[in-house]
């Protein structure tokens, strides 16, 4: 019984140390992560990005990743006259070990509770091309997105050239073809 108590006490002490260490990590690297994430996004976007609140940095939500949670996200379309993306929450993830080494590369983004409005106008121009083109040997841009996850999103798609529109939710049973 004494051995079991010692093991439980040791586990509790380890959990407290990990929690304190995680909090110190977020305090130490949080402002730098916020700055680097915003810089990487602004360098790569050609459209206006608006955030409702300052990002919240969390360590334990997506281990081995650090998450920067943005709320009330709005992204203008490529034409600058409509909203391409409106989301309740957006999570930008970075690898913990890479952050410790000074590499603040964004590895994935998860967007939740929102709307994506994709349009093609009569001239065939799409409104979703809001990322700068990657050309040449430009590899130090802090943005190597490998994963984009959409959760509880509404899609509004309209193609004026093909006279086709689709409205869909993230639940498959709600998708419908609106171009009848």
N, C-alpha and C. Protein backbone atom coordinates (compact mmCIF):
# COMPACT_ATOMS: atom_id res chain seq x y z
N UNK A 1 0.81 -1.19 0.00
CA UNK A 1 0.00 0.00 0.00
C UNK A 1 0.86 1.27 0.00
N UNK A 2 1.99 1.23 0.73
CA UNK A 2 2.89 2.38 0.77
C UNK A 2 3.51 2.63 -0.60
N UNK A 3 3.80 1.57 -1.33
CA UNK A 3 4.36 1.71 -2.68
C UNK A 3 3.35 2.38 -3.61
N UNK A 4 2.11 1.99 -3.50
CA UNK A 4 1.05 2.58 -4.32
C UNK A 4 0.91 4.08 -4.01
N UNK A 5 0.97 4.44 -2.75
CA UNK A 5 0.89 5.85 -2.35
C UNK A 5 2.06 6.64 -2.93
N UNK A 6 3.25 6.05 -2.87
CA UNK A 6 4.43 6.73 -3.40
C UNK A 6 4.31 6.93 -4.90
N UNK A 7 3.80 5.93 -5.59
CA UNK A 7 3.63 6.03 -7.05
C UNK A 7 2.60 7.11 -7.38
N UNK A 8 1.48 7.12 -6.67
CA UNK A 8 0.44 8.12 -6.91
C UNK A 8 0.98 9.52 -6.60
N UNK A 9 1.71 9.66 -5.50
CA UNK A 9 2.30 10.95 -5.14
C UNK A 9 3.30 11.40 -6.20
N UNK A 10 4.11 10.50 -6.69
CA UNK A 10 5.08 10.81 -7.74
C UNK A 10 4.37 11.26 -9.01
N UNK A 11 3.29 10.57 -9.38
CA UNK A 11 2.53 10.96 -10.56
C UNK A 11 1.91 12.35 -10.41
N UNK A 12 1.39 12.62 -9.23
CA UNK A 12 0.81 13.95 -8.98
C UNK A 12 1.88 15.03 -9.07
N UNK A 13 3.04 14.77 -8.49
CA UNK A 13 4.14 15.73 -8.55
C UNK A 13 4.58 15.95 -10.00
N UNK A 14 4.67 14.88 -10.78
CA UNK A 14 5.05 15.00 -12.19
C UNK A 14 4.01 15.80 -12.98
N UNK A 15 2.75 15.56 -12.71
CA UNK A 15 1.69 16.31 -13.40
C UNK A 15 1.76 17.80 -13.06
N UNK A 16 2.01 18.11 -11.79
CA UNK A 16 2.14 19.51 -11.38
C UNK A 16 3.35 20.15 -12.07
N UNK A 17 4.46 19.44 -12.13
CA UNK A 17 5.66 19.96 -12.78
C UNK A 17 5.41 20.20 -14.26
N UNK A 18 4.75 19.26 -14.92
CA UNK A 18 4.43 19.41 -16.34
C UNK A 18 3.49 20.59 -16.56
N UNK A 19 2.48 20.73 -15.71
CA UNK A 19 1.53 21.84 -15.84
C UNK A 19 2.23 23.19 -15.64
N UNK A 20 3.08 23.28 -14.64
CA UNK A 20 3.81 24.52 -14.39
C UNK A 20 4.79 24.80 -15.54
N UNK A 21 5.47 23.76 -15.98
CA UNK A 21 6.40 23.91 -17.11
C UNK A 21 5.67 24.36 -18.37
N UNK A 22 4.51 23.79 -18.62
CA UNK A 22 3.72 24.18 -19.78
C UNK A 22 3.29 25.63 -19.70
N UNK A 23 2.86 26.04 -18.53
CA UNK A 23 2.44 27.44 -18.34
C UNK A 23 3.62 28.39 -18.52
N UNK A 24 4.78 28.02 -17.98
CA UNK A 24 5.98 28.85 -18.16
C UNK A 24 6.38 28.93 -19.64
N UNK A 25 6.23 27.82 -20.35
CA UNK A 25 6.52 27.78 -21.78
C UNK A 25 5.63 28.77 -22.53
N UNK A 26 4.32 28.74 -22.23
CA UNK A 26 3.37 29.63 -22.90
C UNK A 26 3.67 31.09 -22.54
N UNK A 27 4.02 31.36 -21.28
CA UNK A 27 4.36 32.72 -20.87
C UNK A 27 5.61 33.19 -21.59
N UNK A 28 6.59 32.30 -21.70
CA UNK A 28 7.87 32.65 -22.34
C UNK A 28 7.72 32.83 -23.84
N UNK A 29 7.07 31.88 -24.52
CA UNK A 29 7.01 31.88 -25.98
C UNK A 29 5.71 32.44 -26.55
N UNK A 30 4.68 32.60 -25.73
CA UNK A 30 3.38 33.04 -26.22
C UNK A 30 3.40 34.32 -27.04
N UNK A 31 3.95 35.43 -26.51
CA UNK A 31 3.98 36.67 -27.29
C UNK A 31 4.76 36.54 -28.60
N UNK A 32 5.85 35.79 -28.57
CA UNK A 32 6.64 35.59 -29.77
C UNK A 32 5.88 34.75 -30.80
N UNK A 33 5.15 33.74 -30.31
CA UNK A 33 4.34 32.90 -31.21
C UNK A 33 3.25 33.75 -31.84
N UNK A 34 2.56 34.58 -31.05
CA UNK A 34 1.53 35.46 -31.59
C UNK A 34 2.10 36.34 -32.70
N UNK A 35 3.23 36.95 -32.41
CA UNK A 35 3.86 37.85 -33.38
C UNK A 35 4.25 37.11 -34.66
N UNK A 36 4.86 35.94 -34.51
CA UNK A 36 5.32 35.19 -35.68
C UNK A 36 4.15 34.65 -36.51
N UNK A 37 3.08 34.20 -35.85
CA UNK A 37 1.91 33.70 -36.58
C UNK A 37 1.28 34.84 -37.37
N UNK A 38 1.11 36.00 -36.74
CA UNK A 38 0.51 37.13 -37.44
C UNK A 38 1.39 37.60 -38.60
N UNK A 39 2.69 37.61 -38.39
CA UNK A 39 3.62 38.01 -39.44
C UNK A 39 3.55 37.03 -40.62
N UNK A 40 3.55 35.73 -40.33
CA UNK A 40 3.48 34.73 -41.39
C UNK A 40 2.18 34.84 -42.18
N UNK A 41 1.07 35.04 -41.47
CA UNK A 41 -0.22 35.18 -42.16
C UNK A 41 -0.25 36.44 -43.02
N UNK A 42 0.19 37.55 -42.47
CA UNK A 42 0.15 38.81 -43.23
C UNK A 42 1.09 38.77 -44.44
N UNK A 43 2.23 38.08 -44.31
CA UNK A 43 3.15 37.98 -45.43
C UNK A 43 2.58 37.13 -46.56
N UNK A 44 1.73 36.18 -46.23
CA UNK A 44 1.24 35.25 -47.23
C UNK A 44 -0.12 35.62 -47.82
N UNK A 45 -0.86 36.48 -47.15
CA UNK A 45 -2.19 36.84 -47.62
C UNK A 45 -2.15 38.08 -48.49
N UNK A 46 -2.97 38.06 -49.53
CA UNK A 46 -3.12 39.24 -50.37
C UNK A 46 -4.40 40.00 -50.01
N UNK A 47 -5.22 39.44 -49.16
CA UNK A 47 -6.48 40.05 -48.75
C UNK A 47 -6.43 40.47 -47.28
N UNK A 48 -7.39 41.28 -46.90
CA UNK A 48 -7.47 41.78 -45.53
C UNK A 48 -7.96 40.69 -44.59
N UNK A 49 -7.24 40.50 -43.48
CA UNK A 49 -7.61 39.55 -42.44
C UNK A 49 -7.96 40.35 -41.20
N UNK A 50 -9.13 40.06 -40.63
CA UNK A 50 -9.57 40.78 -39.45
C UNK A 50 -9.87 39.77 -38.34
N UNK A 51 -9.39 40.07 -37.13
CA UNK A 51 -9.57 39.18 -35.99
C UNK A 51 -10.34 39.90 -34.90
N UNK A 52 -11.29 39.19 -34.29
CA UNK A 52 -12.10 39.79 -33.25
C UNK A 52 -11.37 39.96 -31.94
N UNK A 53 -10.45 39.04 -31.64
CA UNK A 53 -9.74 39.08 -30.37
C UNK A 53 -8.27 38.74 -30.59
N UNK A 54 -7.49 39.02 -29.59
CA UNK A 54 -6.08 38.63 -29.58
C UNK A 54 -6.02 37.10 -29.49
N UNK A 55 -5.05 36.47 -30.15
CA UNK A 55 -5.00 35.00 -30.09
C UNK A 55 -4.71 34.47 -28.69
N UNK A 56 -5.27 33.32 -28.41
CA UNK A 56 -5.02 32.63 -27.15
C UNK A 56 -4.07 31.46 -27.45
N UNK A 57 -2.93 31.43 -26.79
CA UNK A 57 -1.94 30.38 -27.01
C UNK A 57 -2.18 29.26 -26.01
N UNK A 58 -2.30 28.03 -26.53
CA UNK A 58 -2.49 26.87 -25.66
C UNK A 58 -1.49 25.78 -26.04
N UNK A 59 -1.00 25.12 -25.02
CA UNK A 59 0.00 24.07 -25.23
C UNK A 59 -0.60 22.68 -25.15
N UNK A 60 -1.54 22.45 -24.28
CA UNK A 60 -1.99 21.09 -24.01
C UNK A 60 -3.15 20.61 -24.87
N UNK A 61 -3.75 21.48 -25.65
CA UNK A 61 -4.91 21.11 -26.45
C UNK A 61 -4.55 20.15 -27.59
N UNK A 62 -3.43 20.39 -28.26
CA UNK A 62 -3.07 19.63 -29.46
C UNK A 62 -1.65 19.09 -29.42
N UNK A 63 -1.18 18.63 -28.28
CA UNK A 63 0.20 18.12 -28.22
C UNK A 63 0.45 17.12 -29.33
N UNK A 64 1.58 17.14 -30.00
CA UNK A 64 2.81 17.92 -29.78
C UNK A 64 2.80 19.28 -30.46
N UNK A 65 1.66 19.87 -30.63
CA UNK A 65 1.56 21.17 -31.27
C UNK A 65 1.17 22.24 -30.25
N UNK A 66 1.54 23.45 -30.57
CA UNK A 66 1.08 24.62 -29.85
C UNK A 66 -0.02 25.21 -30.72
N UNK A 67 -1.12 25.60 -30.11
CA UNK A 67 -2.22 26.19 -30.87
C UNK A 67 -2.37 27.66 -30.54
N UNK A 68 -2.57 28.45 -31.58
CA UNK A 68 -2.96 29.84 -31.41
C UNK A 68 -4.41 29.91 -31.86
N UNK A 69 -5.31 30.20 -30.93
CA UNK A 69 -6.74 30.25 -31.24
C UNK A 69 -7.15 31.69 -31.51
N UNK A 70 -7.72 31.91 -32.71
CA UNK A 70 -8.25 33.21 -33.09
C UNK A 70 -9.77 33.10 -33.09
N UNK A 71 -10.45 34.11 -32.62
CA UNK A 71 -11.91 34.13 -32.62
C UNK A 71 -12.42 35.23 -33.52
N UNK A 72 -13.62 35.02 -34.06
CA UNK A 72 -14.27 36.01 -34.93
C UNK A 72 -13.35 36.44 -36.07
N UNK A 73 -13.01 35.48 -36.92
CA UNK A 73 -12.09 35.69 -38.03
C UNK A 73 -12.87 36.07 -39.29
N UNK A 74 -12.43 37.11 -39.97
CA UNK A 74 -13.00 37.52 -41.26
C UNK A 74 -11.86 37.68 -42.26
N UNK A 75 -12.03 37.08 -43.44
CA UNK A 75 -11.03 37.18 -44.51
C UNK A 75 -11.75 37.66 -45.76
N UNK A 76 -11.31 38.81 -46.29
CA UNK A 76 -11.90 39.33 -47.52
C UNK A 76 -11.54 38.44 -48.70
N UNK A 77 -12.37 38.46 -49.73
CA UNK A 77 -12.06 37.69 -50.93
C UNK A 77 -10.99 38.41 -51.75
N UNK A 78 -10.52 37.76 -52.81
CA UNK A 78 -9.44 38.30 -53.62
C UNK A 78 -9.83 39.61 -54.30
N UNK A 79 -11.11 39.82 -54.54
CA UNK A 79 -11.58 41.04 -55.19
C UNK A 79 -11.74 42.19 -54.21
N UNK A 80 -11.73 41.89 -52.91
CA UNK A 80 -11.83 42.91 -51.88
C UNK A 80 -13.22 43.50 -51.70
N UNK A 81 -14.24 42.83 -52.23
CA UNK A 81 -15.58 43.40 -52.11
C UNK A 81 -16.57 42.47 -51.42
N UNK A 82 -16.10 41.36 -50.88
CA UNK A 82 -17.00 40.42 -50.21
C UNK A 82 -16.18 39.62 -49.19
N UNK A 83 -16.86 38.85 -48.38
CA UNK A 83 -16.19 38.01 -47.39
C UNK A 83 -15.97 36.63 -47.99
N UNK A 84 -14.72 36.17 -47.98
CA UNK A 84 -14.41 34.82 -48.41
C UNK A 84 -14.62 33.84 -47.27
N UNK A 85 -14.17 34.22 -46.08
CA UNK A 85 -14.25 33.34 -44.92
C UNK A 85 -14.69 34.14 -43.70
N UNK A 86 -15.65 33.57 -43.00
CA UNK A 86 -16.08 34.10 -41.71
C UNK A 86 -16.12 32.90 -40.78
N UNK A 87 -15.39 32.96 -39.68
CA UNK A 87 -15.31 31.80 -38.78
C UNK A 87 -15.37 32.23 -37.33
N UNK A 88 -16.04 31.41 -36.54
CA UNK A 88 -16.10 31.65 -35.10
C UNK A 88 -14.75 31.43 -34.44
N UNK A 89 -14.06 30.38 -34.88
CA UNK A 89 -12.73 30.07 -34.32
C UNK A 89 -11.81 29.55 -35.42
N UNK A 90 -10.56 29.88 -35.26
CA UNK A 90 -9.52 29.40 -36.17
C UNK A 90 -8.32 29.02 -35.31
N UNK A 91 -7.84 27.81 -35.46
CA UNK A 91 -6.70 27.32 -34.68
C UNK A 91 -5.50 27.15 -35.61
N UNK A 92 -4.43 27.85 -35.30
CA UNK A 92 -3.19 27.74 -36.07
C UNK A 92 -2.23 26.94 -35.22
N UNK A 93 -1.66 25.87 -35.83
CA UNK A 93 -0.82 24.97 -35.04
C UNK A 93 0.65 25.04 -35.47
N UNK A 94 1.52 25.00 -34.45
CA UNK A 94 2.97 24.97 -34.65
C UNK A 94 3.53 23.83 -33.83
N UNK A 95 4.62 23.23 -34.29
CA UNK A 95 5.26 22.14 -33.58
C UNK A 95 6.05 22.68 -32.39
N UNK A 96 5.83 22.09 -31.21
CA UNK A 96 6.49 22.54 -29.97
C UNK A 96 8.00 22.50 -30.10
N UNK A 97 8.53 21.38 -30.58
CA UNK A 97 9.98 21.21 -30.64
C UNK A 97 10.61 22.18 -31.62
N UNK A 98 9.91 22.47 -32.72
CA UNK A 98 10.43 23.44 -33.67
C UNK A 98 10.41 24.85 -33.08
N UNK A 99 9.39 25.17 -32.31
CA UNK A 99 9.32 26.49 -31.67
C UNK A 99 10.49 26.66 -30.71
N UNK A 100 10.81 25.63 -29.95
CA UNK A 100 11.94 25.71 -29.02
C UNK A 100 13.24 25.99 -29.79
N UNK A 101 13.34 25.46 -31.02
CA UNK A 101 14.53 25.68 -31.85
C UNK A 101 14.47 26.99 -32.63
N UNK A 102 13.37 27.75 -32.47
CA UNK A 102 13.27 29.04 -33.14
C UNK A 102 12.56 29.00 -34.49
N UNK A 103 11.98 27.87 -34.85
CA UNK A 103 11.26 27.74 -36.12
C UNK A 103 9.76 27.88 -35.85
N UNK A 104 9.16 28.97 -36.32
CA UNK A 104 7.76 29.26 -36.05
C UNK A 104 6.88 28.97 -37.27
N UNK A 105 7.19 27.90 -37.97
CA UNK A 105 6.46 27.54 -39.17
C UNK A 105 5.06 27.02 -38.82
N UNK A 106 4.06 27.58 -39.48
CA UNK A 106 2.67 27.14 -39.29
C UNK A 106 2.51 25.82 -40.04
N UNK A 107 2.07 24.77 -39.33
CA UNK A 107 1.95 23.47 -39.97
C UNK A 107 0.52 23.10 -40.34
N UNK A 108 -0.45 23.61 -39.59
CA UNK A 108 -1.83 23.29 -39.94
C UNK A 108 -2.78 24.35 -39.39
N UNK A 109 -3.96 24.38 -39.99
CA UNK A 109 -5.00 25.33 -39.57
C UNK A 109 -6.31 24.57 -39.49
N UNK A 110 -7.05 24.82 -38.42
CA UNK A 110 -8.40 24.26 -38.27
C UNK A 110 -9.37 25.42 -38.13
N UNK A 111 -10.40 25.43 -38.98
CA UNK A 111 -11.39 26.49 -38.98
C UNK A 111 -12.72 25.90 -38.55
N UNK A 112 -13.40 26.57 -37.62
CA UNK A 112 -14.64 26.04 -37.07
C UNK A 112 -15.74 27.09 -37.08
N UNK A 113 -16.98 26.60 -37.23
CA UNK A 113 -18.18 27.41 -37.04
C UNK A 113 -18.22 28.66 -37.91
N UNK A 114 -18.34 28.43 -39.21
CA UNK A 114 -18.36 29.61 -40.06
C UNK A 114 -18.89 29.38 -41.45
N UNK A 115 -18.49 30.28 -42.35
CA UNK A 115 -18.96 30.33 -43.71
C UNK A 115 -17.79 30.52 -44.66
N UNK A 116 -17.81 29.77 -45.76
CA UNK A 116 -16.87 29.98 -46.86
C UNK A 116 -17.71 30.33 -48.08
N UNK A 117 -17.39 31.46 -48.69
CA UNK A 117 -18.15 31.92 -49.86
C UNK A 117 -17.20 31.95 -51.06
N UNK A 118 -17.32 30.96 -51.95
CA UNK A 118 -16.46 30.86 -53.13
C UNK A 118 -17.26 31.30 -54.35
N UNK A 119 -16.65 32.21 -55.13
CA UNK A 119 -17.33 32.76 -56.29
C UNK A 119 -16.40 32.81 -57.50
N UNK A 120 -17.01 32.64 -58.69
CA UNK A 120 -16.32 32.91 -59.94
C UNK A 120 -17.20 33.91 -60.70
N UNK A 121 -16.59 35.04 -61.09
CA UNK A 121 -17.38 36.06 -61.76
C UNK A 121 -17.53 35.75 -63.26
N UNK A 122 -18.21 36.64 -63.97
CA UNK A 122 -18.48 36.43 -65.40
C UNK A 122 -17.22 36.38 -66.25
N UNK A 123 -16.13 36.98 -65.78
CA UNK A 123 -14.87 36.95 -66.51
C UNK A 123 -14.02 35.73 -66.15
N UNK A 124 -14.50 34.87 -65.27
CA UNK A 124 -13.79 33.65 -64.89
C UNK A 124 -12.81 33.84 -63.75
N UNK A 125 -12.85 34.98 -63.08
CA UNK A 125 -11.93 35.25 -61.97
C UNK A 125 -12.51 34.71 -60.67
N UNK A 126 -11.72 33.89 -59.97
CA UNK A 126 -12.14 33.30 -58.70
C UNK A 126 -11.82 34.24 -57.55
N UNK A 127 -12.61 34.19 -56.51
CA UNK A 127 -12.40 35.08 -55.36
C UNK A 127 -11.56 34.46 -54.25
N UNK A 128 -11.16 33.20 -54.38
CA UNK A 128 -10.46 32.52 -53.28
C UNK A 128 -8.94 32.58 -53.38
N UNK A 129 -8.39 33.18 -54.39
CA UNK A 129 -6.93 33.23 -54.56
C UNK A 129 -6.37 34.37 -53.72
N UNK A 130 -6.29 34.12 -52.41
CA UNK A 130 -5.85 35.14 -51.46
C UNK A 130 -4.45 34.86 -50.92
N UNK A 131 -3.79 33.79 -51.37
CA UNK A 131 -2.44 33.46 -50.93
C UNK A 131 -1.46 33.97 -51.97
N UNK A 132 -0.36 34.52 -51.54
CA UNK A 132 0.68 34.95 -52.46
C UNK A 132 1.27 33.73 -53.15
N UNK A 133 1.62 33.90 -54.40
CA UNK A 133 2.25 32.82 -55.16
C UNK A 133 3.63 32.55 -54.60
N UNK A 134 3.97 31.26 -54.47
CA UNK A 134 5.29 30.86 -54.00
C UNK A 134 6.12 30.62 -55.24
N UNK A 135 7.17 31.37 -55.38
CA UNK A 135 8.00 31.23 -56.57
C UNK A 135 9.46 31.13 -56.21
N UNK A 136 10.23 30.63 -57.14
CA UNK A 136 11.68 30.53 -56.96
C UNK A 136 12.05 29.64 -55.80
N UNK A 137 13.06 30.05 -55.05
CA UNK A 137 13.53 29.24 -53.92
C UNK A 137 13.17 29.91 -52.61
N UNK A 138 12.04 30.56 -52.54
CA UNK A 138 11.58 31.20 -51.32
C UNK A 138 11.05 30.15 -50.35
N UNK A 139 11.88 29.77 -49.38
CA UNK A 139 11.47 28.74 -48.43
C UNK A 139 11.37 29.26 -47.01
N UNK A 140 11.76 30.49 -46.79
CA UNK A 140 11.76 31.03 -45.42
C UNK A 140 10.57 31.94 -45.19
N UNK A 141 9.37 31.44 -45.46
CA UNK A 141 8.21 32.30 -45.30
C UNK A 141 7.40 31.97 -44.06
N UNK A 142 7.80 30.98 -43.27
CA UNK A 142 7.09 30.67 -42.04
C UNK A 142 5.74 30.04 -42.24
N UNK A 143 5.50 29.55 -43.44
CA UNK A 143 4.17 29.04 -43.74
C UNK A 143 4.29 27.85 -44.68
N UNK A 144 4.19 26.66 -44.12
CA UNK A 144 4.20 25.44 -44.91
C UNK A 144 2.98 24.63 -44.50
N UNK A 145 1.84 25.06 -44.97
CA UNK A 145 0.57 24.45 -44.57
C UNK A 145 0.44 23.07 -45.18
N UNK A 146 0.30 22.06 -44.33
CA UNK A 146 0.13 20.69 -44.79
C UNK A 146 -1.29 20.17 -44.51
N UNK A 147 -1.99 20.85 -43.63
CA UNK A 147 -3.31 20.35 -43.21
C UNK A 147 -4.24 21.53 -42.98
N UNK A 148 -5.39 21.48 -43.64
CA UNK A 148 -6.44 22.46 -43.41
C UNK A 148 -7.70 21.69 -43.10
N UNK A 149 -8.21 21.87 -41.89
CA UNK A 149 -9.42 21.16 -41.46
C UNK A 149 -10.56 22.15 -41.29
N UNK A 150 -11.72 21.77 -41.81
CA UNK A 150 -12.92 22.59 -41.68
C UNK A 150 -13.93 21.81 -40.87
N UNK A 151 -14.49 22.45 -39.86
CA UNK A 151 -15.42 21.78 -38.97
C UNK A 151 -16.63 22.68 -38.75
N UNK A 152 -17.81 22.12 -38.95
CA UNK A 152 -19.06 22.85 -38.78
C UNK A 152 -19.07 24.12 -39.62
N UNK A 153 -18.79 23.95 -40.91
CA UNK A 153 -18.71 25.07 -41.84
C UNK A 153 -19.85 25.02 -42.85
N UNK A 154 -20.24 26.16 -43.34
CA UNK A 154 -21.25 26.32 -44.37
C UNK A 154 -20.52 26.78 -45.64
N UNK A 155 -20.78 26.13 -46.76
CA UNK A 155 -20.15 26.47 -48.03
C UNK A 155 -21.20 27.07 -48.95
N UNK A 156 -20.87 28.22 -49.51
CA UNK A 156 -21.73 28.88 -50.49
C UNK A 156 -20.87 29.07 -51.74
N UNK A 157 -21.16 28.29 -52.79
CA UNK A 157 -20.36 28.26 -54.01
C UNK A 157 -21.21 28.73 -55.18
N UNK A 158 -20.66 29.65 -55.96
CA UNK A 158 -21.37 30.12 -57.15
C UNK A 158 -20.37 30.33 -58.28
N UNK A 159 -20.68 29.74 -59.44
CA UNK A 159 -19.85 29.87 -60.63
C UNK A 159 -20.71 30.52 -61.70
N UNK A 160 -20.47 31.81 -61.96
CA UNK A 160 -21.26 32.55 -62.94
C UNK A 160 -21.03 32.05 -64.36
N UNK A 161 -19.83 31.60 -64.66
CA UNK A 161 -19.50 31.14 -66.01
C UNK A 161 -20.31 29.89 -66.35
N UNK A 162 -20.38 28.94 -65.43
CA UNK A 162 -21.10 27.69 -65.66
C UNK A 162 -22.56 27.77 -65.18
N UNK A 163 -22.96 28.90 -64.66
CA UNK A 163 -24.30 29.08 -64.11
C UNK A 163 -24.65 27.96 -63.14
N UNK A 164 -23.78 27.80 -62.15
CA UNK A 164 -23.93 26.72 -61.17
C UNK A 164 -23.71 27.28 -59.78
N UNK A 165 -24.55 26.91 -58.83
CA UNK A 165 -24.31 27.29 -57.44
C UNK A 165 -24.64 26.10 -56.55
N UNK A 166 -23.88 26.01 -55.47
CA UNK A 166 -24.05 24.92 -54.50
C UNK A 166 -24.00 25.52 -53.11
N UNK A 167 -24.91 25.08 -52.28
CA UNK A 167 -24.91 25.47 -50.87
C UNK A 167 -24.79 24.18 -50.07
N UNK A 168 -23.82 24.15 -49.15
CA UNK A 168 -23.59 22.92 -48.38
C UNK A 168 -23.16 23.24 -46.97
N UNK A 169 -23.54 22.36 -46.06
CA UNK A 169 -23.05 22.42 -44.69
C UNK A 169 -22.06 21.28 -44.51
N UNK A 170 -21.36 21.29 -43.39
CA UNK A 170 -20.37 20.23 -43.15
C UNK A 170 -21.03 18.88 -42.89
N UNK A 171 -22.34 18.89 -42.68
CA UNK A 171 -23.06 17.62 -42.55
C UNK A 171 -23.54 17.21 -43.94
N UNK A 172 -23.18 16.04 -44.46
CA UNK A 172 -23.49 15.66 -45.83
C UNK A 172 -24.98 15.67 -46.18
N UNK A 173 -25.85 15.42 -45.25
CA UNK A 173 -27.27 15.35 -45.57
C UNK A 173 -27.87 16.72 -45.87
N UNK A 174 -27.13 17.81 -45.62
CA UNK A 174 -27.68 19.13 -45.84
C UNK A 174 -27.22 19.73 -47.17
N UNK A 175 -26.34 19.06 -47.90
CA UNK A 175 -25.85 19.60 -49.16
C UNK A 175 -26.96 19.59 -50.20
N UNK A 176 -26.99 20.67 -51.02
CA UNK A 176 -28.00 20.71 -52.09
C UNK A 176 -27.46 21.50 -53.26
N UNK A 177 -27.93 21.15 -54.43
CA UNK A 177 -27.58 21.86 -55.65
C UNK A 177 -28.62 22.96 -55.82
N UNK A 178 -28.16 24.21 -55.83
CA UNK A 178 -29.11 25.33 -55.88
C UNK A 178 -29.26 25.90 -57.27
N UNK A 179 -28.75 25.23 -58.29
CA UNK A 179 -28.79 25.80 -59.63
C UNK A 179 -29.82 25.10 -60.51
N UNK A 180 -30.99 24.85 -60.02
CA UNK A 180 -32.02 24.17 -60.81
C UNK A 180 -32.83 25.14 -61.63
